[in-house]
Amino acid sequence: MAIERPDLSFSRKKTDFGQGFYVTPIKEQAVNWARRFSYKGGICVVSTYAFPDTPDVKLSDNIRVLEFDSHSFEWLDFITNCRLGMPGDETWDLVIGGVANDKVFDTIQLFFDKLITAEAAIARLRYNKPNFQYCFKKQTLIDKHLRFKSAEVIK
């Protein structure tokens, strides 16, 4: 369904960057997310948003942003803690970085299970081009800056 007004109370907690509303600038990734979360035989819809909504709004202005520009030890540690439901992600308004998709998650699972070290996990992940996501963690940020533009039914 189209999501014109995202509501964080419907968000899952143990995800890559914790509870939040996730968006991506990569259409193929958005389509895959929509298909993954559609009910059997249901309609898949990709919603499009504008952010920030005005040129004078900068992410650094009173918005606490955590950005990961690569698969790093910090990224792995943050995702591990979020997926385990550990505290620490709630201090951020917006988290930006790579997706722990199925290929990446296989490596992360080996790390979770203590079958490989963090160093080995990062070495494996260097060969994966990260998909990209924004996680809006505060409802006030969504309400103030994220603007619904359109919705597209995916066939």
Protein backbone atom coordinates (compact mmCIF):
# COMPACT_ATOMS: atom_id res chain seq x y z
CA MET A 1 0.00 0.00 0.00
CA ALA A 2 1.08 3.58 -0.47
CA ILE A 3 2.48 5.08 2.70
CA GLU A 4 1.68 8.76 2.60
CA ARG A 5 2.28 9.42 6.31
CA PRO A 6 4.87 7.03 7.75
CA ASP A 7 4.23 6.08 11.38
CA LEU A 8 7.13 4.65 13.36
CA SER A 9 4.82 2.80 15.71
CA PHE A 10 4.39 0.21 12.92
CA SER A 11 8.16 -0.30 12.46
CA ARG A 12 9.95 -3.49 13.37
CA LYS A 13 12.64 -3.20 16.04
CA LYS A 14 15.42 -5.70 15.28
CA THR A 15 16.46 -4.42 11.86
CA ASP A 16 19.72 -3.12 10.36
CA PHE A 17 19.62 0.30 12.03
CA GLY A 18 16.93 -0.47 14.58
CA GLN A 19 13.34 0.71 14.62
CA GLY A 20 12.68 3.32 11.98
CA PHE A 21 11.21 4.14 8.59
CA TYR A 22 13.54 2.92 5.85
CA VAL A 23 13.88 4.46 2.40
CA THR A 24 16.39 4.06 -0.42
CA PRO A 25 17.37 6.06 -3.50
CA ILE A 26 17.79 2.77 -5.41
CA LYS A 27 14.52 1.90 -7.16
CA GLU A 28 15.39 -1.78 -7.68
CA GLN A 29 16.03 -2.10 -3.96
CA ALA A 30 12.71 -0.40 -3.14
CA VAL A 31 10.89 -2.77 -5.48
CA ASN A 32 12.56 -5.77 -3.81
CA TRP A 33 11.54 -4.46 -0.38
CA ALA A 34 7.94 -3.97 -1.54
CA ARG A 35 7.76 -7.49 -2.95
CA ARG A 36 9.30 -8.96 0.18
CA PHE A 37 6.73 -7.39 2.47
CA SER A 38 3.63 -7.80 0.35
CA TYR A 39 1.13 -10.40 1.43
CA LYS A 40 0.66 -13.47 -0.78
CA GLY A 41 -1.06 -12.34 -3.92
CA GLY A 42 -1.15 -8.77 -2.65
CA ILE A 43 -0.34 -5.61 -4.50
CA CYS A 44 3.20 -4.24 -4.27
CA VAL A 45 3.51 -0.47 -4.04
CA VAL A 46 6.63 1.69 -3.98
CA SER A 47 6.17 5.13 -2.45
CA THR A 48 8.43 8.03 -3.40
CA TYR A 49 9.42 10.85 -1.05
CA ALA A 50 11.26 14.16 -1.09
CA PHE A 51 13.78 14.93 1.64
CA PRO A 52 14.74 17.52 2.70
CA ASP A 53 11.77 19.51 1.49
CA THR A 54 13.45 22.92 1.26
CA PRO A 55 16.91 23.96 0.07
CA ASP A 56 17.74 25.72 3.36
CA VAL A 57 17.29 22.54 5.44
CA LYS A 58 20.59 20.81 6.00
CA LEU A 59 20.93 17.43 7.66
CA SER A 60 23.44 18.85 10.13
CA ASP A 61 21.02 21.48 11.49
CA ASN A 62 19.77 20.03 14.79
CA ILE A 63 19.48 16.58 13.25
CA ARG A 64 21.67 13.87 14.72
CA VAL A 65 22.93 11.87 11.76
CA LEU A 66 25.01 8.71 11.80
CA GLU A 67 26.42 7.90 8.38
CA PHE A 68 28.35 4.80 7.31
CA ASP A 69 30.03 5.25 3.94
CA SER A 70 31.29 1.66 3.75
CA HIS A 71 31.09 -1.74 5.36
CA SER A 72 33.31 -1.00 8.36
CA PHE A 73 33.83 -2.33 11.87
CA GLU A 74 31.63 0.47 13.18
CA TRP A 75 28.86 -0.43 10.69
CA LEU A 76 29.10 -4.13 11.59
CA ASP A 77 29.02 -3.36 15.32
CA PHE A 78 26.03 -1.02 14.94
CA ILE A 79 24.05 -3.50 12.81
CA THR A 80 24.90 -6.35 15.16
CA ASN A 81 23.65 -4.40 18.17
CA CYS A 82 20.48 -3.24 16.38
CA ARG A 83 19.61 -6.70 15.10
CA LEU A 84 20.08 -8.11 18.60
CA GLY A 85 17.82 -5.38 20.03
CA MET A 86 20.55 -3.84 22.14
CA PRO A 87 20.24 -0.18 23.16
CA GLY A 88 22.27 2.53 21.47
CA ASP A 89 20.50 3.30 18.21
CA GLU A 90 17.92 5.62 19.80
CA THR A 91 20.34 8.55 20.08
CA TRP A 92 20.18 9.15 16.32
CA ASP A 93 17.52 10.93 14.26
CA LEU A 94 18.71 9.52 10.94
CA VAL A 95 21.07 6.65 10.12
CA ILE A 96 22.48 6.32 6.60
CA GLY A 97 24.46 3.43 5.17
CA GLY A 98 24.65 0.03 3.57
CA VAL A 99 21.97 -2.62 3.77
CA ALA A 100 22.65 -5.98 5.36
CA ASN A 101 20.89 -7.80 2.50
CA ASP A 102 20.78 -11.58 2.07
CA LYS A 103 24.33 -11.82 0.70
CA VAL A 104 25.68 -9.55 3.41
CA PHE A 105 23.59 -11.15 6.13
CA ASP A 106 25.14 -14.58 5.46
CA THR A 107 28.47 -13.09 6.50
CA ILE A 108 26.92 -11.26 9.44
CA GLN A 109 25.28 -14.50 10.60
CA LEU A 110 28.68 -16.20 10.62
CA PHE A 111 29.91 -13.32 12.77
CA PHE A 112 26.84 -13.55 15.08
CA ASP A 113 27.50 -17.28 15.49
CA LYS A 114 31.16 -16.53 16.32
CA LEU A 115 32.33 -18.65 13.39
CA ILE A 116 34.38 -15.78 11.96
CA THR A 117 35.97 -12.71 13.49
CA ALA A 118 34.92 -9.12 12.83
CA GLU A 119 38.06 -8.74 10.71
CA ALA A 120 37.10 -11.73 8.56
CA ALA A 121 33.54 -10.43 8.18
CA ILE A 122 34.72 -7.00 7.02
CA ALA A 123 37.22 -8.61 4.62
CA ARG A 124 34.39 -10.64 3.04
CA LEU A 125 32.07 -7.63 2.86
CA ARG A 126 34.62 -5.53 0.98
CA TYR A 127 33.70 -7.52 -2.14
CA ASN A 128 29.99 -6.65 -1.87
CA LYS A 129 28.83 -3.34 -3.25
CA PRO A 130 26.52 -2.07 -0.51
CA ASN A 131 22.94 -1.20 -1.24
CA PHE A 132 21.96 2.04 0.39
CA GLN A 133 19.32 3.01 2.94
CA TYR A 134 18.16 5.90 5.09
CA CYS A 135 16.56 5.02 8.41
CA PHE A 136 14.38 7.79 9.84
CA LYS A 137 14.35 7.08 13.56
CA LYS A 138 12.34 10.03 14.90
CA GLN A 139 8.70 10.69 14.06
CA THR A 140 9.31 14.44 14.33
CA LEU A 141 11.93 14.25 11.55
CA ILE A 142 9.52 12.36 9.32
CA ASP A 143 6.63 14.72 10.04
CA LYS A 144 8.70 17.85 9.48
CA HIS A 145 10.86 16.93 6.50
CA LEU A 146 9.81 13.76 4.64
CA ARG A 147 7.26 14.60 1.91
CA PHE A 148 5.23 11.98 0.07
CA LYS A 149 5.43 12.53 -3.70
CA SER A 150 3.83 9.52 -5.37
CA ALA A 151 3.13 5.79 -5.26
CA GLU A 152 3.65 3.23 -7.99
CA VAL A 153 2.04 -0.20 -8.21
CA ILE A 154 4.70 -2.80 -9.09
CA LYS A 155 3.65 -5.64 -11.31
